[in-house]
Every structure is written in C-alpha cells, then in structure tokens.
Amino acid sequence: MHRRFHIFSRFHLQSDEKNVIISQDLPKIGTKEDEIEEFIMSCLKKLVKDGIPKEMVDAAIKRQEFKTQEIPGEGYPFGLMASIRASRTWLRGESPEEGLITTKPLEQLKQEVAKGHFFENWIQEKLIDNKYRSLITVKTDPQYNEKRLAVLNEKLMARKASEDEAQFAADKAEYE
C-alpha cells in the first residue's frame, strides 16, 4: 500500500530545458519553507533508499507513451504545436525533426529503466546531490494594490500639473 501526500496545489516540471526546473506552488504555508524543503528532501531520500515500485514506473511510462503518440493541440492548431516542438530542439542546436519524433526519447528512457534504478539514481544525482538547488520564496504584499494606486495617482497629479485638463481627463480614464 502506498500513501500519497496531497499537500501541493500545483507541480511544475520543465524538461525541455538542458537544466530541469522543478517548481512547486505552496500557498498559505506561512514561514515554514525550511520544514517543507526538509519534508520534500526526506521523501526523495526515502524514494532513493526504498526504490520506486516497478509497477508505478511501468504505469508512468505507459501513460507517457500514450500521451506522446499524438499532439493534442491543447487548444492550439496542430501545425502550431508541431512548430513549437520542432523549435525546442532546434534552439538547443539539434535537428528540428528530433522534436517531432516522440518515440525515440521514450525508447531510450525504457532502455535506461530496464537497467534498473534509473529514477532513483536520477533523483539522487539531480535533486538530492545538486549543489545548485535553490529555494525561492515569493510572498505577497497585502498592500500591493493600494501602493500601486498611490503611485499611479502621483503620476497623474504630476501630469495634471504639466498638461491641460482635457489631456488629464483622458489619462485618468485610461488608468481607471
């Protein structure tokens, strides 16, 4: 039996980059950044130590195989999505055609997984032992809107002093 923790609202993984970027939105956690980072790192270490069940890996690969067999469009025209895929590889100095071939990278992954402990080794090397890992905390400013309006009003008043009333009224309507 596998227990799953559902504390995350959104998880982002960008794998089209040479450097993998993993980001996590954790709303309303207050000042518990260190505890959250420690929790995530302990989960990753447990995965490396205990291993990832083969059934989970196989299921994830099957799902990805199914997903990559088509370009769904995600609301965009097929041609545009194909162009985006081609440009990703082209921008990295590879052939644009490589971006359209969806089975080759998956076959390579399956070969690596068949050797054993691929994901566990990847987690250890790229996440746990990564000396460039960073934690970035973005906090909202509850007075942001009020401060922004004050700055805009200040700009409007300065403009009013230097312009005629008609231009001032047009500018004010644009800001509102």
N, C-alpha and C. Protein backbone atom coordinates (compact mmCIF):
# COMPACT_ATOMS: atom_id res chain seq x y z
N MET A 1 0.83 -1.18 0.00
CA MET A 1 0.00 0.00 0.00
C MET A 1 0.88 1.24 0.00
N HIS A 2 0.53 2.20 -0.84
CA HIS A 2 1.29 3.43 -0.95
C HIS A 2 0.46 4.58 -0.44
N ARG A 3 1.06 5.34 0.47
CA ARG A 3 0.38 6.53 0.96
C ARG A 3 0.82 7.71 0.10
N ARG A 4 -0.10 8.56 -0.22
CA ARG A 4 0.22 9.73 -1.02
C ARG A 4 -0.11 10.97 -0.21
N PHE A 5 0.75 11.95 -0.33
CA PHE A 5 0.55 13.20 0.36
C PHE A 5 0.01 14.22 -0.64
N HIS A 6 -1.12 14.80 -0.33
CA HIS A 6 -1.74 15.78 -1.22
C HIS A 6 -1.68 17.16 -0.58
N ILE A 7 -0.47 17.67 -0.40
CA ILE A 7 -0.34 19.00 0.19
C ILE A 7 -0.05 20.05 -0.88
N PHE A 8 0.20 19.61 -2.10
CA PHE A 8 0.63 20.54 -3.13
C PHE A 8 -0.54 20.92 -4.02
N SER A 9 -0.60 22.18 -4.37
CA SER A 9 -1.68 22.62 -5.25
C SER A 9 -1.29 22.46 -6.71
N ARG A 10 -0.07 22.78 -7.05
CA ARG A 10 0.40 22.66 -8.43
C ARG A 10 1.85 22.23 -8.43
N PHE A 11 2.21 21.37 -9.37
CA PHE A 11 3.58 20.90 -9.51
C PHE A 11 4.00 21.16 -10.94
N HIS A 12 5.17 21.74 -11.13
CA HIS A 12 5.62 22.10 -12.47
C HIS A 12 6.96 21.43 -12.75
N LEU A 13 7.07 20.79 -13.90
CA LEU A 13 8.33 20.19 -14.33
C LEU A 13 8.57 20.61 -15.76
N GLN A 14 9.65 21.33 -15.98
CA GLN A 14 10.02 21.72 -17.33
C GLN A 14 11.19 20.85 -17.74
N SER A 15 10.95 19.95 -18.68
CA SER A 15 12.00 19.04 -19.09
C SER A 15 12.53 19.33 -20.48
N ASP A 16 12.05 20.39 -21.12
CA ASP A 16 12.55 20.73 -22.43
C ASP A 16 13.82 21.55 -22.35
N GLU A 17 14.23 21.86 -21.18
CA GLU A 17 15.43 22.66 -20.96
C GLU A 17 16.62 21.73 -20.73
N LYS A 18 17.83 22.25 -20.96
CA LYS A 18 19.01 21.45 -20.64
C LYS A 18 19.09 21.23 -19.14
N ASN A 19 18.62 22.21 -18.38
CA ASN A 19 18.55 22.08 -16.94
C ASN A 19 17.10 21.85 -16.56
N VAL A 20 16.87 20.84 -15.77
CA VAL A 20 15.50 20.54 -15.37
C VAL A 20 15.09 21.52 -14.29
N ILE A 21 13.91 22.10 -14.47
CA ILE A 21 13.39 23.05 -13.50
C ILE A 21 12.14 22.43 -12.88
N ILE A 22 12.17 22.27 -11.58
CA ILE A 22 11.01 21.75 -10.87
C ILE A 22 10.56 22.84 -9.92
N SER A 23 9.31 23.20 -10.01
CA SER A 23 8.82 24.22 -9.10
C SER A 23 7.52 23.76 -8.47
N GLN A 24 7.26 24.27 -7.30
CA GLN A 24 6.09 23.87 -6.55
C GLN A 24 5.43 25.09 -5.94
N ASP A 25 4.15 25.23 -6.19
CA ASP A 25 3.38 26.31 -5.56
C ASP A 25 2.81 25.78 -4.26
N LEU A 26 3.11 26.46 -3.19
CA LEU A 26 2.60 26.07 -1.87
C LEU A 26 1.93 27.27 -1.23
N PRO A 27 0.67 27.48 -1.55
CA PRO A 27 0.00 28.66 -0.98
C PRO A 27 -0.27 28.49 0.51
N LYS A 28 -0.22 29.61 1.19
CA LYS A 28 -0.62 29.68 2.60
C LYS A 28 0.18 28.79 3.54
N ILE A 29 1.50 28.68 3.32
CA ILE A 29 2.29 27.88 4.25
C ILE A 29 2.98 28.74 5.30
N GLY A 30 2.85 30.05 5.18
CA GLY A 30 3.43 30.93 6.17
C GLY A 30 4.94 30.94 6.08
N THR A 31 5.59 30.73 7.21
CA THR A 31 7.06 30.78 7.26
C THR A 31 7.65 29.40 7.46
N LYS A 32 7.07 28.41 6.87
CA LYS A 32 7.51 27.03 7.07
C LYS A 32 8.33 26.51 5.89
N GLU A 33 9.04 27.40 5.16
CA GLU A 33 9.79 27.00 3.98
C GLU A 33 10.80 25.90 4.29
N ASP A 34 11.53 26.07 5.39
CA ASP A 34 12.55 25.09 5.75
C ASP A 34 11.94 23.73 6.06
N GLU A 35 10.80 23.72 6.75
CA GLU A 35 10.13 22.47 7.06
C GLU A 35 9.64 21.77 5.79
N ILE A 36 9.09 22.54 4.86
CA ILE A 36 8.60 21.98 3.60
C ILE A 36 9.77 21.41 2.80
N GLU A 37 10.88 22.18 2.72
CA GLU A 37 12.05 21.68 1.98
C GLU A 37 12.58 20.40 2.62
N GLU A 38 12.64 20.38 3.93
CA GLU A 38 13.11 19.18 4.64
C GLU A 38 12.19 17.99 4.38
N PHE A 39 10.88 18.24 4.37
CA PHE A 39 9.91 17.19 4.09
C PHE A 39 10.10 16.62 2.67
N ILE A 40 10.23 17.51 1.69
CA ILE A 40 10.41 17.08 0.30
C ILE A 40 11.71 16.29 0.16
N MET A 41 12.78 16.80 0.75
CA MET A 41 14.06 16.09 0.66
C MET A 41 14.00 14.74 1.35
N SER A 42 13.30 14.63 2.47
CA SER A 42 13.19 13.33 3.15
C SER A 42 12.39 12.35 2.31
N CYS A 43 11.36 12.85 1.61
CA CYS A 43 10.59 11.98 0.71
C CYS A 43 11.45 11.50 -0.44
N LEU A 44 12.25 12.39 -1.01
CA LEU A 44 13.13 11.99 -2.11
C LEU A 44 14.16 10.97 -1.65
N LYS A 45 14.73 11.20 -0.47
CA LYS A 45 15.72 10.25 0.07
C LYS A 45 15.09 8.89 0.33
N LYS A 46 13.85 8.89 0.79
CA LYS A 46 13.14 7.62 1.02
C LYS A 46 12.91 6.89 -0.30
N LEU A 47 12.55 7.62 -1.35
CA LEU A 47 12.39 7.01 -2.66
C LEU A 47 13.68 6.36 -3.14
N VAL A 48 14.79 7.05 -2.94
CA VAL A 48 16.09 6.50 -3.36
C VAL A 48 16.43 5.27 -2.53
N LYS A 49 16.21 5.34 -1.24
CA LYS A 49 16.54 4.22 -0.34
C LYS A 49 15.65 3.01 -0.58
N ASP A 50 14.34 3.23 -0.65
CA ASP A 50 13.39 2.12 -0.76
C ASP A 50 13.13 1.71 -2.20
N GLY A 51 13.43 2.60 -3.13
CA GLY A 51 13.16 2.32 -4.53
C GLY A 51 11.73 2.68 -4.90
N ILE A 52 11.54 2.87 -6.19
CA ILE A 52 10.21 3.17 -6.72
C ILE A 52 9.64 1.87 -7.23
N PRO A 53 8.42 1.50 -6.82
CA PRO A 53 7.84 0.24 -7.27
C PRO A 53 7.80 0.16 -8.80
N LYS A 54 8.21 -0.99 -9.32
CA LYS A 54 8.28 -1.22 -10.77
C LYS A 54 6.93 -0.96 -11.44
N GLU A 55 5.84 -1.35 -10.76
CA GLU A 55 4.51 -1.15 -11.35
C GLU A 55 4.23 0.33 -11.58
N MET A 56 4.67 1.17 -10.65
CA MET A 56 4.45 2.61 -10.80
C MET A 56 5.25 3.17 -11.97
N VAL A 57 6.49 2.72 -12.10
CA VAL A 57 7.34 3.17 -13.20
C VAL A 57 6.75 2.72 -14.53
N ASP A 58 6.35 1.45 -14.61
CA ASP A 58 5.76 0.92 -15.84
C ASP A 58 4.49 1.67 -16.22
N ALA A 59 3.65 1.93 -15.23
CA ALA A 59 2.40 2.66 -15.49
C ALA A 59 2.68 4.07 -15.98
N ALA A 60 3.67 4.73 -15.39
CA ALA A 60 4.01 6.09 -15.81
C ALA A 60 4.55 6.10 -17.23
N ILE A 61 5.35 5.11 -17.57
CA ILE A 61 5.89 5.04 -18.93
C ILE A 61 4.78 4.76 -19.94
N LYS A 62 3.88 3.85 -19.60
CA LYS A 62 2.74 3.56 -20.49
C LYS A 62 1.90 4.82 -20.71
N ARG A 63 1.66 5.54 -19.65
CA ARG A 63 0.87 6.77 -19.76
C ARG A 63 1.56 7.77 -20.66
N GLN A 64 2.89 7.90 -20.49
CA GLN A 64 3.65 8.84 -21.31
C GLN A 64 3.68 8.38 -22.77
N GLU A 65 3.77 7.08 -23.00
CA GLU A 65 3.72 6.55 -24.37
C GLU A 65 2.42 6.96 -25.04
N PHE A 66 1.33 6.77 -24.33
CA PHE A 66 0.02 7.12 -24.87
C PHE A 66 -0.07 8.61 -25.14
N LYS A 67 0.42 9.38 -24.20
CA LYS A 67 0.34 10.84 -24.29
C LYS A 67 1.18 11.39 -25.44
N THR A 68 2.33 10.79 -25.70
CA THR A 68 3.23 11.33 -26.73
C THR A 68 2.94 10.82 -28.13
N GLN A 69 2.00 9.92 -28.28
CA GLN A 69 1.67 9.41 -29.60
C GLN A 69 0.88 10.41 -30.43
N GLU A 70 0.39 11.44 -29.80
CA GLU A 70 -0.36 12.44 -30.53
C GLU A 70 0.02 13.82 -30.04
N ILE A 71 -0.21 14.78 -30.86
CA ILE A 71 -0.03 16.17 -30.46
C ILE A 71 -1.44 16.71 -30.24
N PRO A 72 -1.89 16.78 -28.99
CA PRO A 72 -3.29 17.11 -28.72
C PRO A 72 -3.68 18.54 -29.11
N GLY A 73 -2.70 19.42 -29.17
CA GLY A 73 -3.02 20.79 -29.53
C GLY A 73 -3.23 21.69 -28.33
N GLU A 74 -3.77 21.14 -27.27
CA GLU A 74 -4.02 21.91 -26.05
C GLU A 74 -4.70 23.25 -26.38
N GLY A 75 -5.65 23.20 -27.32
CA GLY A 75 -6.37 24.41 -27.68
C GLY A 75 -5.74 25.17 -28.83
N TYR A 76 -4.56 24.73 -29.27
CA TYR A 76 -3.87 25.38 -30.37
C TYR A 76 -3.93 24.49 -31.61
N PRO A 77 -3.78 25.08 -32.79
CA PRO A 77 -3.78 24.27 -34.02
C PRO A 77 -2.61 23.28 -34.03
N PHE A 78 -2.83 22.13 -34.67
CA PHE A 78 -1.83 21.07 -34.75
C PHE A 78 -0.51 21.60 -35.30
N GLY A 79 -0.56 22.38 -36.37
CA GLY A 79 0.65 22.89 -37.00
C GLY A 79 1.46 23.77 -36.07
N LEU A 80 0.77 24.59 -35.28
CA LEU A 80 1.46 25.45 -34.32
C LEU A 80 2.16 24.62 -33.25
N MET A 81 1.47 23.60 -32.73
CA MET A 81 2.09 22.75 -31.70
C MET A 81 3.29 21.99 -32.27
N ALA A 82 3.18 21.52 -33.51
CA ALA A 82 4.31 20.83 -34.15
C ALA A 82 5.49 21.79 -34.31
N SER A 83 5.20 23.04 -34.67
CA SER A 83 6.27 24.04 -34.82
C SER A 83 6.95 24.31 -33.48
N ILE A 84 6.18 24.38 -32.43
CA ILE A 84 6.76 24.61 -31.10
C ILE A 84 7.67 23.46 -30.71
N ARG A 85 7.22 22.23 -30.93
CA ARG A 85 8.05 21.06 -30.63
C ARG A 85 9.34 21.08 -31.44
N ALA A 86 9.25 21.40 -32.73
CA ALA A 86 10.43 21.43 -33.58
C ALA A 86 11.39 22.53 -33.15
N SER A 87 10.86 23.68 -32.75
CA SER A 87 11.73 24.79 -32.36
C SER A 87 12.48 24.51 -31.06
N ARG A 88 11.90 23.72 -30.18
CA ARG A 88 12.58 23.40 -28.91
C ARG A 88 13.91 22.70 -29.17
N THR A 89 13.91 21.71 -30.05
CA THR A 89 15.16 21.00 -30.34
C THR A 89 16.09 21.87 -31.19
N TRP A 90 15.53 22.61 -32.12
CA TRP A 90 16.33 23.47 -32.99
C TRP A 90 17.09 24.51 -32.16
N LEU A 91 16.43 25.11 -31.17
CA LEU A 91 17.07 26.11 -30.32
C LEU A 91 18.20 25.53 -29.47
N ARG A 92 18.18 24.23 -29.25
CA ARG A 92 19.26 23.56 -28.50
C ARG A 92 20.35 23.05 -29.43
N GLY A 93 20.27 23.41 -30.73
CA GLY A 93 21.30 23.00 -31.67
C GLY A 93 21.08 21.62 -32.25
N GLU A 94 19.91 21.06 -32.04
CA GLU A 94 19.59 19.75 -32.58
C GLU A 94 18.71 19.92 -33.81
N SER A 95 18.48 18.82 -34.49
CA SER A 95 17.63 18.84 -35.68
C SER A 95 16.18 19.11 -35.29
N PRO A 96 15.49 19.99 -36.01
CA PRO A 96 14.07 20.25 -35.71
C PRO A 96 13.22 18.99 -35.79
N GLU A 97 13.61 18.07 -36.68
CA GLU A 97 12.84 16.82 -36.82
C GLU A 97 12.84 16.01 -35.52
N GLU A 98 13.92 16.12 -34.75
CA GLU A 98 14.01 15.39 -33.49
C GLU A 98 12.87 15.78 -32.54
N GLY A 99 12.43 17.02 -32.61
CA GLY A 99 11.34 17.48 -31.76
C GLY A 99 10.01 16.86 -32.11
N LEU A 100 9.90 16.37 -33.33
CA LEU A 100 8.64 15.77 -33.77
C LEU A 100 8.62 14.27 -33.55
N ILE A 101 9.79 13.67 -33.33
CA ILE A 101 9.86 12.23 -33.09
C ILE A 101 9.62 11.99 -31.61
N THR A 102 8.49 11.47 -31.28
CA THR A 102 8.12 11.33 -29.86
C THR A 102 8.52 9.99 -29.28
N THR A 103 8.79 9.00 -30.11
CA THR A 103 9.05 7.66 -29.58
C THR A 103 10.51 7.43 -29.24
N LYS A 104 11.43 8.12 -29.91
CA LYS A 104 12.86 7.88 -29.68
C LYS A 104 13.29 8.16 -28.23
N PRO A 105 12.98 9.34 -27.68
CA PRO A 105 13.39 9.59 -26.29
C PRO A 105 12.75 8.61 -25.31
N LEU A 106 11.52 8.22 -25.57
CA LEU A 106 10.83 7.28 -24.69
C LEU A 106 11.46 5.90 -24.76
N GLU A 107 11.88 5.49 -25.94
CA GLU A 107 12.57 4.20 -26.08
C GLU A 107 13.90 4.23 -25.34
N GLN A 108 14.61 5.36 -25.42
CA GLN A 108 15.87 5.50 -24.68
C GLN A 108 15.62 5.41 -23.18
N LEU A 109 14.56 6.05 -22.73
CA LEU A 109 14.21 6.00 -21.31
C LEU A 109 13.89 4.57 -20.89
N LYS A 110 13.13 3.87 -21.69
CA LYS A 110 12.78 2.49 -21.36
C LYS A 110 14.03 1.61 -21.26
N GLN A 111 15.01 1.84 -22.12
CA GLN A 111 16.26 1.08 -22.05
C GLN A 111 17.01 1.37 -20.76
N GLU A 112 17.04 2.65 -20.38
CA GLU A 112 17.71 3.03 -19.13
C GLU A 112 16.99 2.45 -17.91
N VAL A 113 15.67 2.49 -17.94
CA VAL A 113 14.87 1.96 -16.83
C VAL A 113 15.09 0.45 -16.71
N ALA A 114 15.22 -0.23 -17.84
CA ALA A 114 15.42 -1.69 -17.82
C ALA A 114 16.73 -2.08 -17.14
N LYS A 115 17.71 -1.19 -17.14
CA LYS A 115 18.99 -1.47 -16.47
C LYS A 115 18.83 -1.46 -14.95
N GLY A 116 17.78 -0.80 -14.48
CA GLY A 116 17.49 -0.78 -13.04
C GLY A 116 17.87 0.51 -12.35
N HIS A 117 17.03 0.94 -11.45
CA HIS A 117 17.24 2.09 -10.55
C HIS A 117 17.53 3.39 -11.29
N PHE A 118 17.00 3.55 -12.47
CA PHE A 118 17.25 4.77 -13.23
C PHE A 118 16.72 5.99 -12.50
N PHE A 119 15.46 5.95 -12.10
CA PHE A 119 14.86 7.12 -11.47
C PHE A 119 15.46 7.39 -10.09
N GLU A 120 15.77 6.34 -9.36
CA GLU A 120 16.39 6.52 -8.06
C GLU A 120 17.76 7.21 -8.20
N ASN A 121 18.54 6.77 -9.19
CA ASN A 121 19.85 7.39 -9.43
C ASN A 121 19.69 8.83 -9.90
N TRP A 122 18.69 9.06 -10.75
CA TRP A 122 18.45 10.41 -11.25
C TRP A 122 18.06 11.33 -10.10
N ILE A 123 17.18 10.87 -9.23
CA ILE A 123 16.76 11.67 -8.07
C ILE A 123 17.96 12.00 -7.19
N GLN A 124 18.80 10.99 -6.95
CA GLN A 124 19.98 11.20 -6.11
C GLN A 124 20.91 12.25 -6.73
N GLU A 125 21.21 12.06 -8.01
CA GLU A 125 22.17 12.94 -8.68
C GLU A 125 21.62 14.33 -8.96
N LYS A 126 20.43 14.41 -9.53
CA LYS A 126 19.91 15.69 -10.00
C LYS A 126 19.17 16.49 -8.94
N LEU A 127 18.64 15.84 -7.92
CA LEU A 127 17.86 16.56 -6.92
C LEU A 127 18.55 16.60 -5.56
N ILE A 128 18.90 15.45 -5.03
CA ILE A 128 19.45 15.42 -3.67
C ILE A 128 20.87 15.97 -3.63
N ASP A 129 21.74 15.49 -4.54
CA ASP A 129 23.16 15.92 -4.53
C ASP A 129 23.41 17.18 -5.33
N ASN A 130 22.39 17.83 -5.80
CA ASN A 130 22.53 19.01 -6.64
C ASN A 130 22.98 20.20 -5.80
N LYS A 131 24.22 20.61 -6.00
CA LYS A 131 24.74 21.73 -5.20
C LYS A 131 24.22 23.08 -5.67
N TYR A 132 23.51 23.09 -6.81
CA TYR A 132 22.94 24.33 -7.33
C TYR A 132 21.46 24.46 -7.04
N ARG A 133 20.92 23.55 -6.27
CA ARG A 133 19.50 23.60 -5.93
C ARG A 133 19.21 24.90 -5.19
N SER A 134 18.07 25.47 -5.45
CA SER A 134 17.72 26.70 -4.75
C SER A 134 16.27 26.67 -4.30
N LEU A 135 16.02 27.39 -3.26
CA LEU A 135 14.67 27.56 -2.74
C LEU A 135 14.34 29.04 -2.88
N ILE A 136 13.31 29.32 -3.62
CA ILE A 136 12.89 30.70 -3.82
C ILE A 136 11.51 30.86 -3.20
N THR A 137 11.39 31.82 -2.33
CA THR A 137 10.12 32.07 -1.67
C THR A 137 9.58 33.42 -2.15
N VAL A 138 8.38 33.39 -2.67
CA VAL A 138 7.72 34.62 -3.12
C VAL A 138 6.54 34.86 -2.19
N LYS A 139 6.54 36.02 -1.58
CA LYS A 139 5.48 36.36 -0.65
C LYS A 139 4.68 37.53 -1.20
N THR A 140 3.38 37.46 -1.01
CA THR A 140 2.52 38.53 -1.49
C THR A 140 2.58 39.73 -0.56
N ASP A 141 2.33 40.89 -1.12
CA ASP A 141 2.25 42.12 -0.36
C ASP A 141 0.78 42.49 -0.24
N PRO A 142 0.21 42.40 0.95
CA PRO A 142 -1.23 42.68 1.10
C PRO A 142 -1.61 44.10 0.70
N GLN A 143 -0.67 45.03 0.72
CA GLN A 143 -0.97 46.41 0.35
C GLN A 143 -0.54 46.74 -1.08
N TYR A 144 -0.28 45.73 -1.90
CA TYR A 144 0.21 45.95 -3.26
C TYR A 144 -0.72 46.87 -4.06
N ASN A 145 -2.00 46.56 -4.07
CA ASN A 145 -2.94 47.36 -4.87
C ASN A 145 -2.99 48.81 -4.41
N GLU A 146 -3.01 49.01 -3.10
CA GLU A 146 -3.05 50.38 -2.58
C GLU A 146 -1.78 51.14 -2.96
N LYS A 147 -0.64 50.49 -2.85
CA LYS A 147 0.63 51.14 -3.21
C LYS A 147 0.67 51.47 -4.70
N ARG A 148 0.19 50.54 -5.51
CA ARG A 148 0.18 50.74 -6.96
C ARG A 148 -0.73 51.92 -7.32
N LEU A 149 -1.91 51.98 -6.70
CA LEU A 149 -2.83 53.10 -6.97
C LEU A 149 -2.22 54.43 -6.53
N ALA A 150 -1.52 54.43 -5.40
CA ALA A 150 -0.89 55.66 -4.92
C ALA A 150 0.16 56.15 -5.92
N VAL A 151 0.95 55.24 -6.46
CA VAL A 151 1.97 55.62 -7.45
C VAL A 151 1.30 56.16 -8.71
N LEU A 152 0.24 55.48 -9.17
CA LEU A 152 -0.47 55.95 -10.36
C LEU A 152 -1.09 57.33 -10.14
N ASN A 153 -1.68 57.53 -8.96
CA ASN A 153 -2.27 58.84 -8.65
C ASN A 153 -1.20 59.93 -8.61
N GLU A 154 -0.04 59.58 -8.07
CA GLU A 154 1.07 60.53 -8.01
C GLU A 154 1.50 60.92 -9.43
N LYS A 155 1.58 59.94 -10.32
CA LYS A 155 1.94 60.23 -11.71
C LYS A 155 0.88 61.08 -12.39
N LEU A 156 -0.39 60.77 -12.11
CA LEU A 156 -1.47 61.56 -12.69
C LEU A 156 -1.42 63.00 -12.22
N MET A 157 -1.18 63.22 -10.94
CA MET A 157 -1.13 64.58 -10.40
C MET A 157 0.04 65.35 -11.02
N ALA A 158 1.16 64.68 -11.21
CA ALA A 158 2.31 65.34 -11.83
C ALA A 158 1.99 65.70 -13.27
N ARG A 159 1.30 64.81 -13.96
CA ARG A 159 0.92 65.07 -15.34
C ARG A 159 -0.12 66.20 -15.42
N LYS A 160 -1.02 66.22 -14.44
CA LYS A 160 -2.06 67.26 -14.42
C LYS A 160 -1.42 68.63 -14.30
N ALA A 161 -0.39 68.71 -13.49
CA ALA A 161 0.28 69.98 -13.28
C ALA A 161 0.96 70.46 -14.56
N SER A 162 1.33 69.54 -15.44
CA SER A 162 2.07 69.92 -16.64
C SER A 162 1.21 69.91 -17.91
N GLU A 163 -0.05 69.51 -17.84
CA GLU A 163 -0.88 69.41 -19.04
C GLU A 163 -2.21 70.13 -18.86
N ASP A 164 -2.93 70.16 -19.94
CA ASP A 164 -4.25 70.78 -19.87
C ASP A 164 -5.27 69.79 -19.32
N GLU A 165 -6.42 70.29 -18.95
CA GLU A 165 -7.48 69.49 -18.33
C GLU A 165 -7.99 68.36 -19.22
N ALA A 166 -8.10 68.57 -20.52
CA ALA A 166 -8.63 67.54 -21.43
C ALA A 166 -7.70 66.34 -21.50
N GLN A 167 -6.41 66.61 -21.60
CA GLN A 167 -5.44 65.51 -21.65
C GLN A 167 -5.42 64.77 -20.32
N PHE A 168 -5.52 65.50 -19.22
CA PHE A 168 -5.54 64.88 -17.90
C PHE A 168 -6.74 63.94 -17.75
N ALA A 169 -7.90 64.36 -18.18
CA ALA A 169 -9.12 63.53 -18.09
C ALA A 169 -8.97 62.26 -18.92
N ALA A 170 -8.34 62.36 -20.10
CA ALA A 170 -8.13 61.18 -20.96
C ALA A 170 -7.15 60.22 -20.28
N ASP A 171 -6.09 60.74 -19.69
CA ASP A 171 -5.12 59.89 -19.00
C ASP A 171 -5.74 59.21 -17.79
N LYS A 172 -6.53 59.95 -17.04
CA LYS A 172 -7.16 59.40 -15.85
C LYS A 172 -8.12 58.27 -16.22
N ALA A 173 -8.87 58.45 -17.29
CA ALA A 173 -9.80 57.40 -17.75
C ALA A 173 -9.03 56.16 -18.17
N GLU A 174 -7.85 56.34 -18.74
CA GLU A 174 -7.03 55.20 -19.17
C GLU A 174 -6.53 54.39 -17.98
N TYR A 175 -6.16 55.03 -16.87
CA TYR A 175 -5.67 54.36 -15.69
C TYR A 175 -6.78 53.66 -14.90
N GLU A 176 -7.99 54.15 -15.03
CA GLU A 176 -9.08 53.57 -14.27
C GLU A 176 -9.64 52.45 -15.04
